Amino acid sequence: MSVSPYIFFDCTCEEAIAFYQQAIGAQLLFKMTFGEMPNEEESSEDCASGFNWPDDKIMHANVRIGDNEVMMSDGNMCADRVKHTGYALSLATKDLAQGQSWFDNLAAGGDVTMPWGETFWAKGFGMLTDKYGIPWMINVEKPM
């Protein structure tokens, strides 16, 4: 069994994927736009409100970050505006320079909620919300 986060963006998914590729070395594994979706899937009885997504927006993407996959989309067609609260994506490494680099790269244009620094449990740790509203924690473990 595995658990993978599924992140919804406010029509910035493609931009976010490019940002994560540059910032933390993410790999795009799969991407399908709403325009590439088969016609019979375009209208769903579950979504009677009739959202009309632009053809170039991402319906679904799989991105590998380290050894894990994260799924992404430009929106849940039946949901209200996306709010990213109650969770954080956590990156861990044993390399202090790598952790600092990830933190700095993800913080660009975002908001730092806990500045990068040493803690009692980590050689380096920091928390931020990136420019797409996604909360992150970066951790470089101290040896026990």
N, C-alpha and C. Protein backbone atom coordinates (compact mmCIF):
# COMPACT_ATOMS: atom_id res chain seq x y z
N MET A 1 0.84 -1.18 0.00
CA MET A 1 0.00 0.00 0.00
C MET A 1 0.88 1.23 0.00
N SER A 2 0.43 2.24 -0.70
CA SER A 2 1.13 3.52 -0.66
C SER A 2 0.10 4.64 -0.57
N VAL A 3 0.53 5.76 -0.05
CA VAL A 3 -0.32 6.94 0.04
C VAL A 3 0.37 8.04 -0.75
N SER A 4 -0.38 8.68 -1.64
CA SER A 4 0.16 9.77 -2.44
C SER A 4 -0.72 10.99 -2.31
N PRO A 5 -0.14 12.14 -2.04
CA PRO A 5 -0.96 13.35 -2.00
C PRO A 5 -1.47 13.71 -3.39
N TYR A 6 -2.66 14.30 -3.44
CA TYR A 6 -3.24 14.80 -4.68
C TYR A 6 -3.49 16.28 -4.45
N ILE A 7 -2.74 17.13 -5.15
CA ILE A 7 -2.78 18.57 -4.92
C ILE A 7 -3.56 19.25 -6.04
N PHE A 8 -4.49 20.11 -5.67
CA PHE A 8 -5.26 20.88 -6.64
C PHE A 8 -4.77 22.32 -6.64
N PHE A 9 -4.54 22.85 -7.83
CA PHE A 9 -4.06 24.21 -8.02
C PHE A 9 -5.16 25.06 -8.66
N ASP A 10 -5.07 26.35 -8.47
CA ASP A 10 -6.01 27.29 -9.09
C ASP A 10 -5.50 27.68 -10.48
N CYS A 11 -5.53 26.74 -11.40
CA CYS A 11 -5.11 26.96 -12.79
C CYS A 11 -3.65 27.36 -12.93
N THR A 12 -2.80 26.90 -12.01
CA THR A 12 -1.36 27.15 -12.08
C THR A 12 -0.56 25.85 -12.03
N CYS A 13 -1.20 24.73 -12.30
CA CYS A 13 -0.55 23.42 -12.16
C CYS A 13 0.68 23.29 -13.06
N GLU A 14 0.55 23.65 -14.32
CA GLU A 14 1.68 23.52 -15.25
C GLU A 14 2.87 24.36 -14.77
N GLU A 15 2.60 25.57 -14.35
CA GLU A 15 3.64 26.47 -13.83
C GLU A 15 4.26 25.88 -12.56
N ALA A 16 3.43 25.33 -11.69
CA ALA A 16 3.92 24.73 -10.45
C ALA A 16 4.82 23.53 -10.74
N ILE A 17 4.43 22.70 -11.69
CA ILE A 17 5.26 21.54 -12.05
C ILE A 17 6.64 22.00 -12.51
N ALA A 18 6.70 23.00 -13.38
CA ALA A 18 7.99 23.53 -13.85
C ALA A 18 8.80 24.08 -12.68
N PHE A 19 8.13 24.74 -11.75
CA PHE A 19 8.81 25.29 -10.56
C PHE A 19 9.41 24.16 -9.73
N TYR A 20 8.64 23.09 -9.48
CA TYR A 20 9.13 21.97 -8.66
C TYR A 20 10.24 21.20 -9.39
N GLN A 21 10.20 21.15 -10.71
CA GLN A 21 11.30 20.53 -11.46
C GLN A 21 12.59 21.29 -11.20
N GLN A 22 12.52 22.60 -11.26
CA GLN A 22 13.71 23.44 -11.04
C GLN A 22 14.12 23.46 -9.57
N ALA A 23 13.15 23.60 -8.68
CA ALA A 23 13.44 23.83 -7.26
C ALA A 23 13.94 22.58 -6.53
N ILE A 24 13.35 21.42 -6.84
CA ILE A 24 13.68 20.22 -6.06
C ILE A 24 13.93 18.99 -6.93
N GLY A 25 14.07 19.18 -8.24
CA GLY A 25 14.38 18.07 -9.12
C GLY A 25 13.21 17.13 -9.38
N ALA A 26 11.98 17.60 -9.27
CA ALA A 26 10.82 16.77 -9.55
C ALA A 26 10.83 16.30 -11.00
N GLN A 27 10.25 15.12 -11.25
CA GLN A 27 10.17 14.56 -12.61
C GLN A 27 8.71 14.43 -12.99
N LEU A 28 8.34 14.96 -14.15
CA LEU A 28 6.99 14.79 -14.66
C LEU A 28 6.88 13.40 -15.27
N LEU A 29 5.96 12.58 -14.76
CA LEU A 29 5.75 11.22 -15.26
C LEU A 29 4.59 11.13 -16.23
N PHE A 30 3.55 11.94 -16.00
CA PHE A 30 2.35 11.88 -16.83
C PHE A 30 1.62 13.21 -16.72
N LYS A 31 1.03 13.64 -17.83
CA LYS A 31 0.23 14.86 -17.82
C LYS A 31 -0.85 14.75 -18.88
N MET A 32 -2.08 15.09 -18.49
CA MET A 32 -3.19 15.14 -19.45
C MET A 32 -3.96 16.43 -19.19
N THR A 33 -4.22 17.18 -20.25
CA THR A 33 -5.00 18.41 -20.13
C THR A 33 -6.49 18.10 -20.27
N PHE A 34 -7.32 19.06 -19.90
CA PHE A 34 -8.76 18.90 -20.10
C PHE A 34 -9.08 18.76 -21.58
N GLY A 35 -8.32 19.41 -22.44
CA GLY A 35 -8.52 19.30 -23.88
C GLY A 35 -8.20 17.93 -24.44
N GLU A 36 -7.33 17.17 -23.76
CA GLU A 36 -6.96 15.83 -24.20
C GLU A 36 -7.91 14.76 -23.66
N MET A 37 -8.82 15.16 -22.78
CA MET A 37 -9.75 14.23 -22.17
C MET A 37 -10.74 13.72 -23.23
N PRO A 38 -11.05 12.41 -23.21
CA PRO A 38 -12.02 11.89 -24.18
C PRO A 38 -13.37 12.61 -24.04
N ASN A 39 -14.04 12.82 -25.14
CA ASN A 39 -15.30 13.57 -25.16
C ASN A 39 -16.36 13.04 -24.23
N GLU A 40 -16.48 11.71 -24.11
CA GLU A 40 -17.53 11.15 -23.25
C GLU A 40 -17.31 11.47 -21.77
N GLU A 41 -16.10 11.89 -21.39
CA GLU A 41 -15.80 12.24 -20.01
C GLU A 41 -16.02 13.72 -19.71
N GLU A 42 -16.26 14.52 -20.73
CA GLU A 42 -16.34 15.97 -20.54
C GLU A 42 -17.48 16.40 -19.64
N SER A 43 -18.62 15.74 -19.74
CA SER A 43 -19.74 16.12 -18.89
C SER A 43 -20.06 14.95 -17.97
N SER A 44 -20.18 15.24 -16.72
CA SER A 44 -20.43 14.22 -15.72
C SER A 44 -21.69 14.58 -14.95
N GLU A 45 -22.51 13.57 -14.66
CA GLU A 45 -23.72 13.81 -13.87
C GLU A 45 -23.36 14.26 -12.46
N ASP A 46 -22.16 13.91 -11.99
CA ASP A 46 -21.72 14.32 -10.66
C ASP A 46 -21.40 15.80 -10.59
N CYS A 47 -21.32 16.45 -11.71
CA CYS A 47 -20.90 17.85 -11.74
C CYS A 47 -21.92 18.68 -12.52
N ALA A 48 -23.12 18.73 -11.98
CA ALA A 48 -24.24 19.36 -12.68
C ALA A 48 -24.06 20.87 -12.86
N SER A 49 -23.14 21.48 -12.10
CA SER A 49 -22.97 22.93 -12.20
C SER A 49 -22.31 23.35 -13.51
N GLY A 50 -21.78 22.40 -14.28
CA GLY A 50 -21.31 22.68 -15.63
C GLY A 50 -20.06 23.53 -15.74
N PHE A 51 -19.01 23.20 -15.01
CA PHE A 51 -17.76 23.93 -15.14
C PHE A 51 -17.20 23.74 -16.53
N ASN A 52 -16.61 24.77 -17.08
CA ASN A 52 -16.00 24.72 -18.39
C ASN A 52 -14.52 25.03 -18.24
N TRP A 53 -13.67 24.02 -18.16
CA TRP A 53 -12.24 24.24 -17.96
C TRP A 53 -11.57 24.51 -19.30
N PRO A 54 -10.62 25.44 -19.32
CA PRO A 54 -9.86 25.67 -20.56
C PRO A 54 -9.12 24.41 -20.99
N ASP A 55 -9.07 24.16 -22.28
CA ASP A 55 -8.44 22.95 -22.82
C ASP A 55 -6.99 22.79 -22.40
N ASP A 56 -6.28 23.90 -22.18
CA ASP A 56 -4.85 23.81 -21.88
C ASP A 56 -4.54 23.57 -20.40
N LYS A 57 -5.55 23.56 -19.55
CA LYS A 57 -5.33 23.34 -18.11
C LYS A 57 -5.21 21.85 -17.82
N ILE A 58 -4.47 21.52 -16.77
CA ILE A 58 -4.15 20.12 -16.47
C ILE A 58 -5.28 19.44 -15.70
N MET A 59 -5.78 18.37 -16.31
CA MET A 59 -6.79 17.55 -15.65
C MET A 59 -6.12 16.63 -14.63
N HIS A 60 -4.96 16.06 -15.01
CA HIS A 60 -4.24 15.16 -14.10
C HIS A 60 -2.77 15.10 -14.50
N ALA A 61 -1.92 15.08 -13.47
CA ALA A 61 -0.48 14.88 -13.68
C ALA A 61 0.08 14.04 -12.54
N ASN A 62 1.09 13.24 -12.85
CA ASN A 62 1.85 12.51 -11.85
C ASN A 62 3.27 13.07 -11.87
N VAL A 63 3.77 13.41 -10.70
CA VAL A 63 5.11 13.96 -10.56
C VAL A 63 5.86 13.14 -9.51
N ARG A 64 7.09 12.77 -9.83
CA ARG A 64 7.92 12.05 -8.86
C ARG A 64 8.82 13.06 -8.17
N ILE A 65 8.78 13.03 -6.85
CA ILE A 65 9.67 13.83 -6.01
C ILE A 65 10.42 12.85 -5.14
N GLY A 66 11.71 12.71 -5.39
CA GLY A 66 12.48 11.68 -4.69
C GLY A 66 11.95 10.31 -5.08
N ASP A 67 11.60 9.50 -4.07
CA ASP A 67 11.07 8.16 -4.31
C ASP A 67 9.54 8.12 -4.28
N ASN A 68 8.90 9.28 -4.24
CA ASN A 68 7.45 9.33 -4.06
C ASN A 68 6.76 10.02 -5.23
N GLU A 69 5.50 9.66 -5.43
CA GLU A 69 4.70 10.31 -6.46
C GLU A 69 3.68 11.23 -5.82
N VAL A 70 3.51 12.38 -6.45
CA VAL A 70 2.49 13.35 -6.06
C VAL A 70 1.61 13.55 -7.29
N MET A 71 0.31 13.51 -7.08
CA MET A 71 -0.61 13.75 -8.19
C MET A 71 -1.07 15.20 -8.11
N MET A 72 -1.32 15.80 -9.27
CA MET A 72 -1.67 17.23 -9.33
C MET A 72 -2.73 17.47 -10.40
N SER A 73 -3.48 18.56 -10.21
CA SER A 73 -4.51 18.94 -11.17
C SER A 73 -4.78 20.44 -11.04
N ASP A 74 -5.38 21.00 -12.09
CA ASP A 74 -5.78 22.40 -12.05
C ASP A 74 -7.10 22.60 -11.33
N GLY A 75 -7.68 21.59 -10.83
CA GLY A 75 -8.87 21.80 -10.02
C GLY A 75 -9.79 20.62 -10.00
N ASN A 76 -10.48 20.51 -8.92
CA ASN A 76 -11.55 19.53 -8.78
C ASN A 76 -12.79 20.20 -9.36
N MET A 77 -13.29 19.69 -10.44
CA MET A 77 -14.37 20.36 -11.17
C MET A 77 -15.63 20.56 -10.34
N CYS A 78 -15.74 19.90 -9.21
CA CYS A 78 -16.96 20.02 -8.41
C CYS A 78 -16.68 20.65 -7.04
N ALA A 79 -15.56 21.31 -6.88
CA ALA A 79 -15.20 21.87 -5.58
C ALA A 79 -15.12 23.39 -5.63
N ASP A 80 -15.15 23.99 -4.46
CA ASP A 80 -14.93 25.42 -4.36
C ASP A 80 -13.45 25.72 -4.50
N ARG A 81 -13.09 26.97 -4.38
CA ARG A 81 -11.71 27.42 -4.48
C ARG A 81 -10.78 26.58 -3.58
N VAL A 82 -9.62 26.26 -4.10
CA VAL A 82 -8.66 25.42 -3.40
C VAL A 82 -8.06 26.17 -2.21
N LYS A 83 -8.01 25.48 -1.06
CA LYS A 83 -7.36 26.02 0.14
C LYS A 83 -6.41 24.94 0.65
N HIS A 84 -5.17 25.32 0.89
CA HIS A 84 -4.15 24.37 1.33
C HIS A 84 -3.89 24.58 2.82
N THR A 85 -4.63 23.86 3.64
CA THR A 85 -4.44 23.95 5.09
C THR A 85 -4.52 22.56 5.69
N GLY A 86 -3.95 22.41 6.86
CA GLY A 86 -4.06 21.16 7.58
C GLY A 86 -3.06 20.09 7.18
N TYR A 87 -2.09 20.43 6.37
CA TYR A 87 -1.06 19.47 5.97
C TYR A 87 0.18 20.23 5.52
N ALA A 88 1.28 19.51 5.36
CA ALA A 88 2.49 20.05 4.73
C ALA A 88 3.18 18.89 4.03
N LEU A 89 3.80 19.17 2.90
CA LEU A 89 4.65 18.19 2.25
C LEU A 89 6.02 18.29 2.92
N SER A 90 6.59 17.15 3.26
CA SER A 90 7.84 17.13 4.00
C SER A 90 8.93 16.48 3.15
N LEU A 91 10.06 17.18 3.03
CA LEU A 91 11.23 16.65 2.33
C LEU A 91 12.31 16.39 3.36
N ALA A 92 12.96 15.24 3.27
CA ALA A 92 14.02 14.87 4.21
C ALA A 92 15.26 14.46 3.44
N THR A 93 16.40 14.85 3.97
CA THR A 93 17.70 14.47 3.40
C THR A 93 18.71 14.40 4.53
N LYS A 94 19.81 13.73 4.27
CA LYS A 94 20.91 13.69 5.23
C LYS A 94 21.96 14.75 4.89
N ASP A 95 21.81 15.40 3.74
CA ASP A 95 22.77 16.37 3.23
C ASP A 95 22.32 17.78 3.57
N LEU A 96 23.06 18.45 4.45
CA LEU A 96 22.68 19.79 4.91
C LEU A 96 22.61 20.80 3.76
N ALA A 97 23.57 20.76 2.85
CA ALA A 97 23.56 21.69 1.72
C ALA A 97 22.35 21.45 0.83
N GLN A 98 21.99 20.18 0.62
CA GLN A 98 20.82 19.85 -0.19
C GLN A 98 19.54 20.38 0.47
N GLY A 99 19.41 20.18 1.77
CA GLY A 99 18.24 20.67 2.50
C GLY A 99 18.12 22.18 2.41
N GLN A 100 19.22 22.87 2.61
CA GLN A 100 19.22 24.34 2.52
C GLN A 100 18.84 24.79 1.11
N SER A 101 19.34 24.10 0.09
CA SER A 101 19.02 24.44 -1.30
C SER A 101 17.53 24.25 -1.57
N TRP A 102 16.96 23.11 -1.16
CA TRP A 102 15.53 22.88 -1.34
C TRP A 102 14.72 23.98 -0.66
N PHE A 103 15.11 24.31 0.57
CA PHE A 103 14.39 25.33 1.32
C PHE A 103 14.43 26.68 0.59
N ASP A 104 15.63 27.09 0.21
CA ASP A 104 15.79 28.38 -0.48
C ASP A 104 15.02 28.41 -1.80
N ASN A 105 15.10 27.32 -2.57
CA ASN A 105 14.42 27.27 -3.86
C ASN A 105 12.91 27.32 -3.71
N LEU A 106 12.37 26.53 -2.78
CA LEU A 106 10.91 26.51 -2.58
C LEU A 106 10.41 27.82 -1.97
N ALA A 107 11.24 28.48 -1.18
CA ALA A 107 10.82 29.73 -0.53
C ALA A 107 10.75 30.91 -1.50
N ALA A 108 11.40 30.80 -2.66
CA ALA A 108 11.42 31.91 -3.63
C ALA A 108 10.00 32.29 -4.02
N GLY A 109 9.62 33.51 -3.69
CA GLY A 109 8.28 34.01 -4.00
C GLY A 109 7.21 33.57 -3.03
N GLY A 110 7.57 32.78 -2.04
CA GLY A 110 6.61 32.28 -1.06
C GLY A 110 6.76 32.96 0.29
N ASP A 111 6.26 32.31 1.33
CA ASP A 111 6.32 32.85 2.69
C ASP A 111 7.00 31.85 3.61
N VAL A 112 8.06 32.28 4.27
CA VAL A 112 8.75 31.44 5.24
C VAL A 112 7.98 31.52 6.55
N THR A 113 7.57 30.36 7.07
CA THR A 113 6.84 30.33 8.34
C THR A 113 7.74 29.94 9.51
N MET A 114 8.85 29.26 9.24
CA MET A 114 9.89 28.99 10.24
C MET A 114 11.22 29.05 9.51
N PRO A 115 12.04 30.04 9.81
CA PRO A 115 13.31 30.19 9.08
C PRO A 115 14.20 28.95 9.19
N TRP A 116 15.03 28.75 8.17
CA TRP A 116 15.97 27.64 8.13
C TRP A 116 16.96 27.77 9.28
N GLY A 117 17.19 26.67 10.00
CA GLY A 117 18.18 26.68 11.06
C GLY A 117 18.26 25.33 11.74
N GLU A 118 19.22 25.22 12.63
CA GLU A 118 19.41 24.00 13.40
C GLU A 118 18.37 23.95 14.52
N THR A 119 17.92 22.73 14.83
CA THR A 119 16.99 22.51 15.94
C THR A 119 17.54 21.38 16.80
N PHE A 120 16.86 21.07 17.86
CA PHE A 120 17.33 19.97 18.71
C PHE A 120 17.23 18.62 18.01
N TRP A 121 16.37 18.49 16.97
CA TRP A 121 16.22 17.22 16.26
C TRP A 121 16.86 17.23 14.87
N ALA A 122 17.26 18.39 14.39
CA ALA A 122 17.73 18.45 13.00
C ALA A 122 18.95 19.34 12.85
N LYS A 123 19.84 18.95 11.92
CA LYS A 123 20.96 19.81 11.54
C LYS A 123 20.44 21.05 10.82
N GLY A 124 19.32 20.87 10.14
CA GLY A 124 18.66 21.97 9.45
C GLY A 124 17.18 21.68 9.31
N PHE A 125 16.37 22.69 9.56
CA PHE A 125 14.92 22.53 9.45
C PHE A 125 14.31 23.88 9.13
N GLY A 126 13.28 23.87 8.30
CA GLY A 126 12.55 25.09 8.01
C GLY A 126 11.18 24.77 7.45
N MET A 127 10.28 25.73 7.60
CA MET A 127 8.92 25.57 7.08
C MET A 127 8.58 26.78 6.22
N LEU A 128 7.81 26.53 5.17
CA LEU A 128 7.44 27.62 4.26
C LEU A 128 6.16 27.25 3.53
N THR A 129 5.56 28.25 2.95
CA THR A 129 4.46 28.06 2.01
C THR A 129 4.97 28.63 0.69
N ASP A 130 4.99 27.78 -0.34
CA ASP A 130 5.54 28.23 -1.61
C ASP A 130 4.58 29.20 -2.32
N LYS A 131 5.02 29.73 -3.44
CA LYS A 131 4.24 30.75 -4.13
C LYS A 131 2.93 30.22 -4.71
N TYR A 132 2.71 28.91 -4.66
CA TYR A 132 1.45 28.32 -5.11
C TYR A 132 0.54 27.97 -3.93
N GLY A 133 0.97 28.32 -2.73
CA GLY A 133 0.16 28.08 -1.55
C GLY A 133 0.37 26.72 -0.90
N ILE A 134 1.36 25.96 -1.37
CA ILE A 134 1.61 24.62 -0.83
C ILE A 134 2.57 24.73 0.36
N PRO A 135 2.17 24.20 1.53
CA PRO A 135 3.05 24.22 2.69
C PRO A 135 4.10 23.09 2.63
N TRP A 136 5.32 23.42 3.00
CA TRP A 136 6.45 22.49 2.98
C TRP A 136 7.20 22.53 4.30
N MET A 137 7.80 21.40 4.67
CA MET A 137 8.77 21.29 5.75
C MET A 137 10.00 20.60 5.18
N ILE A 138 11.17 21.17 5.42
CA ILE A 138 12.42 20.58 4.96
C ILE A 138 13.20 20.19 6.22
N ASN A 139 13.70 18.94 6.25
CA ASN A 139 14.35 18.43 7.44
C ASN A 139 15.65 17.71 7.10
N VAL A 140 16.72 18.03 7.81
CA VAL A 140 18.00 17.31 7.71
C VAL A 140 18.26 16.72 9.09
N GLU A 141 18.05 15.42 9.19
CA GLU A 141 18.12 14.74 10.48
C GLU A 141 19.51 14.82 11.11
N LYS A 142 19.50 14.92 12.45
CA LYS A 142 20.73 14.75 13.21
C LYS A 142 20.86 13.26 13.49
N PRO A 143 22.08 12.73 13.41
CA PRO A 143 22.27 11.31 13.77
C PRO A 143 21.89 11.09 15.24
N MET A 144 21.26 9.99 15.50
CA MET A 144 20.85 9.65 16.89
C MET A 144 22.05 9.21 17.69
